[in-house]
Amino acid sequence: MRLWMMLGALAVAVPALPAEITRNKNRGRGSMWWGIAKAGEPNNLLPMSPASPHMDPAVYATLRRKQRRLARENPGVLMAVARGANQAIMECQHQFRNRRWNCSTKNFLRGKNLFGKIVDRGCRETAFIYAVTSAAVTHSVARACSEGSIQSCSCDYTHQSRAPSGARDWEWGGCSDNIGYGFKFSREFVDTGERGRNLREKMNLHNNEAGRAHVSSEMRQECKCHGMSGSCTVKTCWMRLPNFRVVGDNLKDRFDGASRVMVSNSDRVRSNSNAIMSNSASNSVHGHREGLARRHRYNFQLKPYNPDHKPPGLKDLVYLEPSPPFCDKNPKLGILGTHGRQCNDTSIGVDGCDLMCCGRGYRTQEVIVVERCACTFHWCCEVKCQLCRTKKTIHTCL
């Protein structure tokens, strides 16, 4: 899957940041693994053996030591993580396709961030990136387990072993997606390098956990009937993950209602790095099939920036500073801006020309578009179409 290769930059006036945010404006230490999304491209796959393909060294170098160890100990998981990273990118670009910031990615270069310089700022957009990438790894690994793509995990049969049949008219069966393995693997892999030593790393960890929580909470029961002539003599059920679009929609809602936070007074006094590291070690993927540690939260409390607001919940996204307007190009921030973007002149929403173009105005032009039309199916097995020319009016920001 090829990623969009977008270069450019947009200029905005950046407000002065509080001293605490200025000190902690670094993106955190755990974001470089996003470059693994390039592993899905043919030129980056080196088939050392049929059972264990390896990535191009430039891509593999983006992983931290612990992440490489997890990949070695769980054959097949690397491709699941790469699929998850690509899934996160596509979902992010879908959710923000009609907004000033449209989740553009850059051509991967060693040492550079796939999402560009926006992740250097602790704003809402960065919160969404961390949450959706963590969620996508959880989703992809859990699904890969049930498909048999990872040697160290399989279907989740814990429901069958702990749930008495009782008066149910169905029984557990089939192959449940292994959300337990996916959740814990994501926590170990994605959170690597984020020690929670400063406010920005606490933000990253919280949003990573929020993404995973949205995936696990969307597990749904599916059933199938067995019997003669369509009867339902026996009905077996299993747990299935939803389409990732459901998770993306939920995370986008949380983005719109994200909470601006600051560190609590108790966290200013004591460090949580030891607690986080010990929890990460105790939640090892191997040998732990007794359910999820989903109720655990990293041992710190993020305080609302506005004292009248409630503290953020487990599924809430959190951010530290306001987002830039994304109107004009700024090489320093790596923002592409909205010059030349298409807009909807009849909409009063974020995709409308007034908001998308930031009040600069827009250009209207008519174009001729050639599309396939009047398609018919011919036995067997061919689809024939005509080419139709249609005139369309498009609006682009000045």
Protein backbone atom coordinates (compact mmCIF):
# COMPACT_ATOMS: atom_id res chain seq x y z
CA MET A 1 0.00 0.00 0.00
CA ARG A 2 1.54 3.24 -1.12
CA LEU A 3 1.33 6.19 1.24
CA TRP A 4 0.62 9.72 0.10
CA MET A 5 3.88 11.55 -0.45
CA MET A 6 3.15 15.14 0.34
CA LEU A 7 5.78 17.79 0.73
CA GLY A 8 5.28 21.40 1.60
CA ALA A 9 4.79 23.59 4.52
CA LEU A 10 2.50 26.24 5.95
CA ALA A 11 3.06 29.42 8.08
CA VAL A 12 1.18 30.33 11.27
CA ALA A 13 1.85 32.51 14.24
CA VAL A 14 2.55 30.21 17.17
CA PRO A 15 1.42 31.48 20.58
CA ALA A 16 3.82 31.43 23.47
CA LEU A 17 3.60 28.18 25.39
CA PRO A 18 3.54 27.70 29.15
CA ALA A 19 6.97 26.97 30.58
CA GLU A 20 6.08 23.39 31.45
CA ILE A 21 4.94 22.58 27.91
CA THR A 22 7.98 24.32 26.42
CA ARG A 23 10.25 22.08 28.48
CA ASN A 24 8.34 18.97 27.41
CA LYS A 25 7.54 19.82 23.82
CA ASN A 26 9.46 16.82 22.53
CA ARG A 27 7.24 14.25 20.88
CA GLY A 28 8.26 11.47 23.24
CA ARG A 29 10.49 8.53 22.52
CA GLY A 30 8.06 5.97 21.15
CA SER A 31 6.83 7.36 17.82
CA MET A 32 9.49 6.31 15.33
CA TRP A 33 7.99 2.82 14.88
CA TRP A 34 5.33 4.40 12.66
CA GLY A 35 7.83 4.06 9.81
CA ILE A 36 7.06 0.34 9.86
CA ALA A 37 4.09 1.21 7.66
CA LYS A 38 6.59 1.21 4.80
CA ALA A 39 7.28 -2.47 5.48
CA GLY A 40 4.19 -3.34 3.50
CA GLU A 41 5.74 -1.99 0.30
CA PRO A 42 7.41 -4.63 -1.91
CA ASN A 43 10.80 -2.94 -2.04
CA ASN A 44 11.09 -3.11 1.75
CA LEU A 45 10.50 -6.86 2.10
CA LEU A 46 13.52 -9.15 2.09
CA PRO A 47 12.30 -12.79 2.04
CA MET A 48 15.09 -14.41 4.04
CA SER A 49 12.89 -17.47 4.45
CA PRO A 50 9.30 -18.29 3.46
CA ALA A 51 8.17 -18.34 7.10
CA SER A 52 10.02 -15.26 8.31
CA PRO A 53 10.33 -12.26 5.97
CA HIS A 54 12.55 -9.46 7.21
CA MET A 55 12.27 -5.77 6.58
CA ASP A 56 14.66 -3.46 4.87
CA PRO A 57 17.33 -2.44 7.43
CA ALA A 58 16.38 1.25 7.09
CA VAL A 59 12.83 0.45 8.20
CA TYR A 60 13.89 -2.07 10.82
CA ALA A 61 16.20 0.57 12.31
CA THR A 62 13.15 2.63 13.34
CA LEU A 63 12.31 -0.02 15.97
CA ARG A 64 13.68 0.14 19.47
CA ARG A 65 15.56 -2.80 21.00
CA LYS A 66 12.53 -4.12 22.88
CA GLN A 67 10.35 -3.86 19.78
CA ARG A 68 12.86 -5.90 17.78
CA ARG A 69 12.92 -8.53 20.51
CA LEU A 70 9.12 -8.76 20.49
CA ALA A 71 9.21 -9.19 16.71
CA ARG A 72 11.76 -12.01 16.99
CA GLU A 73 9.85 -13.80 19.75
CA ASN A 74 6.51 -13.59 17.92
CA PRO A 75 7.07 -14.70 14.29
CA GLY A 76 4.50 -13.17 12.01
CA VAL A 77 3.66 -10.24 14.28
CA LEU A 78 5.81 -7.77 12.36
CA MET A 79 3.59 -7.89 9.28
CA ALA A 80 0.50 -7.53 11.48
CA VAL A 81 2.00 -4.38 13.02
CA ALA A 82 2.85 -3.05 9.56
CA ARG A 83 -0.74 -3.68 8.40
CA GLY A 84 -1.99 -1.92 11.50
CA ALA A 85 0.21 1.11 10.86
CA ASN A 86 -1.11 1.40 7.29
CA GLN A 87 -4.66 0.92 8.56
CA ALA A 88 -4.14 3.78 11.02
CA ILE A 89 -2.87 6.09 8.29
CA MET A 90 -5.79 5.34 5.97
CA GLU A 91 -8.31 5.79 8.77
CA CYS A 92 -6.76 9.05 9.92
CA GLN A 93 -6.81 10.42 6.36
CA HIS A 94 -10.43 9.32 5.96
CA GLN A 95 -11.57 10.97 9.18
CA PHE A 96 -9.82 14.27 8.40
CA ARG A 97 -10.30 14.35 4.63
CA ASN A 98 -12.54 17.43 4.85
CA ARG A 99 -10.61 19.38 7.47
CA ARG A 100 -7.79 21.89 7.25
CA TRP A 101 -5.39 19.30 8.64
CA ASN A 102 -5.97 16.18 6.56
CA CYS A 103 -3.48 13.82 8.24
CA SER A 104 -0.99 14.02 5.40
CA THR A 105 2.06 11.78 5.61
CA LYS A 106 5.54 12.24 4.24
CA ASN A 107 7.81 10.00 2.28
CA PHE A 108 9.59 7.87 4.87
CA LEU A 109 13.18 8.84 5.51
CA ARG A 110 15.34 7.32 8.20
CA GLY A 111 15.25 9.45 11.32
CA LYS A 112 12.19 11.40 10.20
CA ASN A 113 8.66 11.08 11.48
CA LEU A 114 6.08 9.65 9.10
CA PHE A 115 3.42 12.20 10.13
CA GLY A 116 5.78 15.15 9.96
CA LYS A 117 6.54 17.87 12.46
CA ILE A 118 2.98 18.24 13.76
CA VAL A 119 3.73 15.49 16.28
CA ASP A 120 6.30 17.78 17.90
CA ARG A 121 3.33 19.71 19.28
CA GLY A 122 1.07 18.29 21.97
CA CYS A 123 -2.15 19.30 20.20
CA ARG A 124 -5.40 17.47 19.41
CA GLU A 125 -4.14 16.17 16.08
CA THR A 126 -1.15 14.54 17.74
CA ALA A 127 -3.46 12.97 20.34
CA PHE A 128 -5.52 11.39 17.56
CA ILE A 129 -2.40 10.05 15.79
CA TYR A 130 -1.19 8.29 18.93
CA ALA A 131 -4.62 6.87 19.73
CA VAL A 132 -5.41 5.61 16.22
CA THR A 133 -1.99 3.98 15.71
CA SER A 134 -2.20 2.19 19.05
CA ALA A 135 -5.75 1.08 18.31
CA ALA A 136 -4.81 -0.18 14.85
CA VAL A 137 -1.96 -2.34 16.18
CA THR A 138 -4.32 -3.80 18.79
CA HIS A 139 -6.95 -4.51 16.13
CA SER A 140 -4.54 -5.94 13.55
CA VAL A 141 -2.66 -8.22 15.96
CA ALA A 142 -5.87 -9.54 17.56
CA ARG A 143 -7.30 -10.35 14.13
CA ALA A 144 -4.02 -11.89 12.92
CA CYS A 145 -4.06 -14.27 15.91
CA SER A 146 -7.46 -15.65 14.95
CA GLU A 147 -6.36 -15.96 11.32
CA GLY A 148 -3.33 -18.03 12.33
CA SER A 149 -0.79 -15.51 11.02
CA ILE A 150 1.18 -15.26 14.28
CA GLN A 151 2.88 -18.36 15.63
CA SER A 152 2.74 -17.39 19.30
CA CYS A 153 -1.05 -16.88 19.51
CA SER A 154 -4.28 -18.31 18.19
CA CYS A 155 -8.04 -17.89 18.66
CA ASP A 156 -9.28 -16.72 22.04
CA TYR A 157 -10.99 -19.67 23.74
CA THR A 158 -11.17 -18.17 27.24
CA HIS A 159 -14.91 -17.49 26.87
CA GLN A 160 -15.60 -21.18 26.40
CA SER A 161 -13.65 -22.23 29.46
CA ARG A 162 -15.14 -19.79 31.97
CA ALA A 163 -18.79 -19.36 30.90
CA PRO A 164 -21.32 -22.01 32.07
CA SER A 165 -24.06 -22.78 29.55
CA GLY A 166 -26.92 -22.41 32.06
CA ALA A 167 -30.23 -21.60 30.43
CA ARG A 168 -28.71 -20.17 27.24
CA ASP A 169 -30.06 -21.30 23.90
CA TRP A 170 -26.57 -21.06 22.40
CA GLU A 171 -23.03 -22.17 23.24
CA TRP A 172 -19.56 -20.77 22.78
CA GLY A 173 -17.71 -22.00 19.71
CA GLY A 174 -15.94 -20.79 16.62
CA CYS A 175 -12.78 -18.68 16.70
CA SER A 176 -12.90 -15.47 18.71
CA ASP A 177 -10.52 -12.65 17.82
CA ASN A 178 -7.75 -12.63 20.43
CA ILE A 179 -8.25 -9.15 21.88
CA GLY A 180 -6.35 -10.15 25.02
CA TYR A 181 -3.17 -10.84 23.11
CA GLY A 182 -3.62 -7.84 20.82
CA PHE A 183 -4.24 -5.47 23.74
CA LYS A 184 -1.19 -6.59 25.71
CA PHE A 185 1.10 -6.80 22.71
CA SER A 186 0.13 -3.27 21.69
CA ARG A 187 0.86 -2.02 25.18
CA GLU A 188 4.33 -3.58 25.17
CA PHE A 189 5.21 -2.66 21.57
CA VAL A 190 3.60 0.76 21.10
CA ASP A 191 4.39 2.17 24.55
CA THR A 192 8.08 1.25 24.37
CA GLY A 193 10.19 4.32 25.02
CA GLU A 194 7.40 6.34 26.65
CA ARG A 195 8.44 6.35 30.30
CA GLY A 196 6.04 9.01 31.52
CA ARG A 197 8.86 11.19 32.82
CA ASN A 198 7.33 14.43 31.55
CA LEU A 199 3.91 15.78 30.70
CA ARG A 200 4.22 15.09 26.97
CA GLU A 201 5.05 11.42 27.52
CA LYS A 202 2.13 11.13 29.94
CA MET A 203 -0.10 12.53 27.21
CA ASN A 204 1.21 9.97 24.72
CA LEU A 205 0.69 7.05 27.12
CA HIS A 206 -2.84 8.14 27.97
CA ASN A 207 -3.83 8.43 24.29
CA ASN A 208 -2.21 5.08 23.46
CA GLU A 209 -4.29 3.46 26.19
CA ALA A 210 -7.44 5.26 25.03
CA GLY A 211 -7.01 3.84 21.54
CA ARG A 212 -6.71 0.30 22.88
CA ALA A 213 -9.73 0.77 25.14
CA HIS A 214 -11.90 1.77 22.18
CA VAL A 215 -10.94 -1.42 20.33
CA SER A 216 -11.60 -3.76 23.25
CA SER A 217 -14.93 -2.14 24.10
CA GLU A 218 -16.24 -2.71 20.56
CA MET A 219 -15.90 -6.50 20.64
CA ARG A 220 -19.24 -7.96 19.61
CA GLN A 221 -20.82 -11.38 19.77
CA GLU A 222 -21.53 -13.15 16.48
CA CYS A 223 -23.52 -16.37 16.16
CA LYS A 224 -24.24 -19.02 13.57
CA CYS A 225 -27.11 -21.50 13.45
CA HIS A 226 -26.65 -25.18 12.65
CA GLY A 227 -29.44 -27.59 11.74
CA MET A 228 -31.47 -29.16 9.00
CA SER A 229 -33.22 -26.93 6.45
CA GLY A 230 -32.09 -23.70 8.09
CA SER A 231 -33.34 -24.61 11.53
CA CYS A 232 -31.41 -23.40 14.56
CA THR A 233 -31.04 -26.67 16.47
CA VAL A 234 -27.61 -25.60 17.66
CA LYS A 235 -26.32 -22.05 17.77
CA THR A 236 -22.64 -21.32 18.38
CA CYS A 237 -21.30 -17.86 19.16
CA TRP A 238 -17.90 -16.19 19.31
CA MET A 239 -16.47 -12.69 19.89
CA ARG A 240 -15.53 -10.63 16.86
CA LEU A 241 -13.81 -7.29 16.36
CA PRO A 242 -15.74 -4.67 14.38
CA ASN A 243 -14.59 -3.07 11.15
CA PHE A 244 -11.86 -0.58 12.08
CA ARG A 245 -14.03 2.25 10.72
CA VAL A 246 -16.18 1.90 13.86
CA VAL A 247 -13.11 2.52 16.03
CA GLY A 248 -12.05 5.43 13.83
CA ASP A 249 -15.48 7.06 14.09
CA ASN A 250 -15.41 6.76 17.88
CA LEU A 251 -11.91 8.21 18.12
CA LYS A 252 -12.92 11.11 15.87
CA ASP A 253 -15.79 11.88 18.26
CA ARG A 254 -13.31 11.87 21.14
CA PHE A 255 -11.02 14.17 19.14
CA ASP A 256 -13.82 16.72 18.86
CA GLY A 257 -14.35 16.54 22.63
CA ALA A 258 -10.70 16.13 23.67
CA SER A 259 -9.60 17.42 27.08
CA ARG A 260 -6.79 19.89 27.57
CA VAL A 261 -4.78 18.73 30.58
CA MET A 262 -1.89 19.53 32.86
CA VAL A 263 0.00 17.35 35.31
CA SER A 264 -1.53 16.90 38.76
CA ASN A 265 0.16 18.26 41.87
CA SER A 266 0.95 14.77 43.13
CA ASP A 267 2.80 13.97 39.92
CA ARG A 268 4.95 17.08 40.25
CA VAL A 269 6.44 15.60 43.40
CA ARG A 270 6.99 11.96 42.52
CA SER A 271 8.09 10.19 39.36
CA ASN A 272 6.08 7.39 37.85
CA SER A 273 8.71 5.87 35.62
CA ASN A 274 9.43 2.97 37.95
CA ALA A 275 5.74 2.13 38.33
CA ILE A 276 5.22 2.23 34.58
CA MET A 277 8.26 0.08 33.86
CA SER A 278 7.27 -2.52 36.44
CA ASN A 279 3.71 -2.65 35.10
CA SER A 280 4.99 -3.09 31.56
CA ALA A 281 7.16 -6.00 32.69
CA SER A 282 4.33 -7.65 34.60
CA ASN A 283 1.99 -7.50 31.59
CA SER A 284 4.23 -9.69 29.43
CA VAL A 285 2.57 -11.14 26.35
CA HIS A 286 4.02 -14.59 26.96
CA GLY A 287 2.30 -16.92 29.39
CA HIS A 288 -0.54 -14.54 30.26
CA ARG A 289 -3.89 -15.74 28.98
CA GLU A 290 -5.95 -15.00 32.07
CA GLY A 291 -7.82 -12.10 30.46
CA LEU A 292 -6.87 -8.50 29.87
CA ALA A 293 -5.27 -6.02 32.22
CA ARG A 294 -7.57 -3.42 30.69
CA ARG A 295 -8.63 -1.95 34.00
CA HIS A 296 -5.09 -0.89 34.78
CA ARG A 297 -4.20 2.68 34.04
CA TYR A 298 -0.73 4.12 34.15
CA ASN A 299 -0.09 5.35 37.64
CA PHE A 300 -0.52 9.07 37.07
CA GLN A 301 -3.43 11.49 37.01
CA LEU A 302 -3.83 14.17 34.37
CA LYS A 303 -5.52 17.28 35.67
CA PRO A 304 -7.95 19.35 33.52
CA TYR A 305 -6.44 22.62 32.34
CA ASN A 306 -9.79 24.22 33.16
CA PRO A 307 -10.57 23.46 36.83
CA ASP A 308 -14.31 23.47 36.04
CA HIS A 309 -13.96 20.47 33.72
CA LYS A 310 -14.03 16.84 34.83
CA PRO A 311 -10.83 14.76 34.73
CA PRO A 312 -10.39 12.85 31.47
CA GLY A 313 -11.75 9.32 31.35
CA LEU A 314 -10.02 6.21 30.07
CA LYS A 315 -11.39 6.64 26.53
CA ASP A 316 -10.94 10.41 26.33
CA LEU A 317 -8.20 11.94 24.21
CA VAL A 318 -6.01 14.51 25.92
CA TYR A 319 -3.81 17.33 24.63
CA LEU A 320 -1.54 20.02 26.09
CA GLU A 321 -1.72 23.03 23.79
CA PRO A 322 -4.08 24.56 21.21
CA SER A 323 -3.79 23.46 17.60
CA PRO A 324 -2.31 25.82 15.03
CA PRO A 325 -4.87 27.11 12.50
CA PHE A 326 -3.36 25.07 9.61
CA CYS A 327 -4.24 27.89 7.19
CA ASP A 328 -0.88 28.93 5.76
CA LYS A 329 2.29 27.05 5.08
CA ASN A 330 4.99 26.94 7.72
CA PRO A 331 8.17 24.92 7.07
CA LYS A 332 9.10 25.05 10.73
CA LEU A 333 5.91 23.27 11.78
CA GLY A 334 5.64 21.13 8.66
CA ILE A 335 2.04 22.24 8.00
CA LEU A 336 0.78 21.97 4.42
CA GLY A 337 -2.00 24.56 4.65
CA THR A 338 -5.17 24.86 2.63
CA HIS A 339 -3.99 26.72 -0.49
CA GLY A 340 -5.32 24.80 -3.49
CA ARG A 341 -7.55 22.51 -1.42
CA GLN A 342 -11.01 21.74 -2.77
CA CYS A 343 -13.96 22.96 -0.72
CA ASN A 344 -17.74 22.81 -0.71
CA ASP A 345 -19.30 26.19 -1.39
CA THR A 346 -22.72 25.13 -0.07
CA SER A 347 -21.51 23.75 3.27
CA ILE A 348 -21.34 25.68 6.52
CA GLY A 349 -19.22 22.94 8.11
CA VAL A 350 -15.48 22.44 8.29
CA ASP A 351 -15.40 21.39 4.61
CA GLY A 352 -17.11 24.64 3.54
CA CYS A 353 -15.16 27.19 1.56
CA ASP A 354 -15.44 29.85 4.27
CA LEU A 355 -13.75 27.71 6.93
CA MET A 356 -11.47 25.62 4.72
CA CYS A 357 -10.05 28.68 2.98
CA CYS A 358 -9.65 30.64 6.23
CA GLY A 359 -11.46 33.66 4.79
CA ARG A 360 -9.00 34.07 1.88
CA GLY A 361 -11.64 33.32 -0.74
CA TYR A 362 -11.76 30.61 -3.36
CA ARG A 363 -11.59 30.03 -7.09
CA THR A 364 -14.46 28.43 -9.04
CA GLN A 365 -13.91 26.61 -12.31
CA GLU A 366 -15.66 24.09 -14.51
CA VAL A 367 -13.86 20.93 -15.58
CA ILE A 368 -14.73 18.04 -17.86
CA VAL A 369 -14.44 14.68 -16.13
CA VAL A 370 -14.34 11.41 -18.07
CA GLU A 371 -15.85 8.52 -16.09
CA ARG A 372 -16.99 4.98 -16.74
CA CYS A 373 -20.77 4.72 -16.95
CA ALA A 374 -23.64 2.48 -18.15
CA CYS A 375 -21.73 -0.63 -17.12
CA THR A 376 -23.30 -3.99 -18.01
CA PHE A 377 -22.36 -7.55 -17.14
CA HIS A 378 -21.88 -9.99 -20.04
CA TRP A 379 -21.94 -13.73 -19.49
CA CYS A 380 -19.35 -14.96 -18.69
CA CYS A 381 -17.50 -13.05 -17.19
CA GLU A 382 -16.97 -9.54 -18.44
CA VAL A 383 -18.12 -6.05 -17.49
CA LYS A 384 -18.37 -3.53 -20.32
CA CYS A 385 -18.73 0.19 -19.71
CA GLN A 386 -19.11 3.34 -21.73
CA LEU A 387 -17.07 6.48 -21.18
CA CYS A 388 -19.16 9.47 -20.23
CA ARG A 389 -18.07 13.10 -20.11
CA THR A 390 -19.59 15.19 -17.39
CA LYS A 391 -19.10 18.82 -16.51
CA LYS A 392 -18.33 19.50 -12.86
CA THR A 393 -17.85 22.70 -10.90
CA ILE A 394 -15.00 22.65 -8.42
CA HIS A 395 -13.95 25.23 -5.84
CA THR A 396 -10.36 25.58 -4.66
CA CYS A 397 -8.96 27.79 -1.90
CA LEU A 398 -6.85 30.79 -2.84
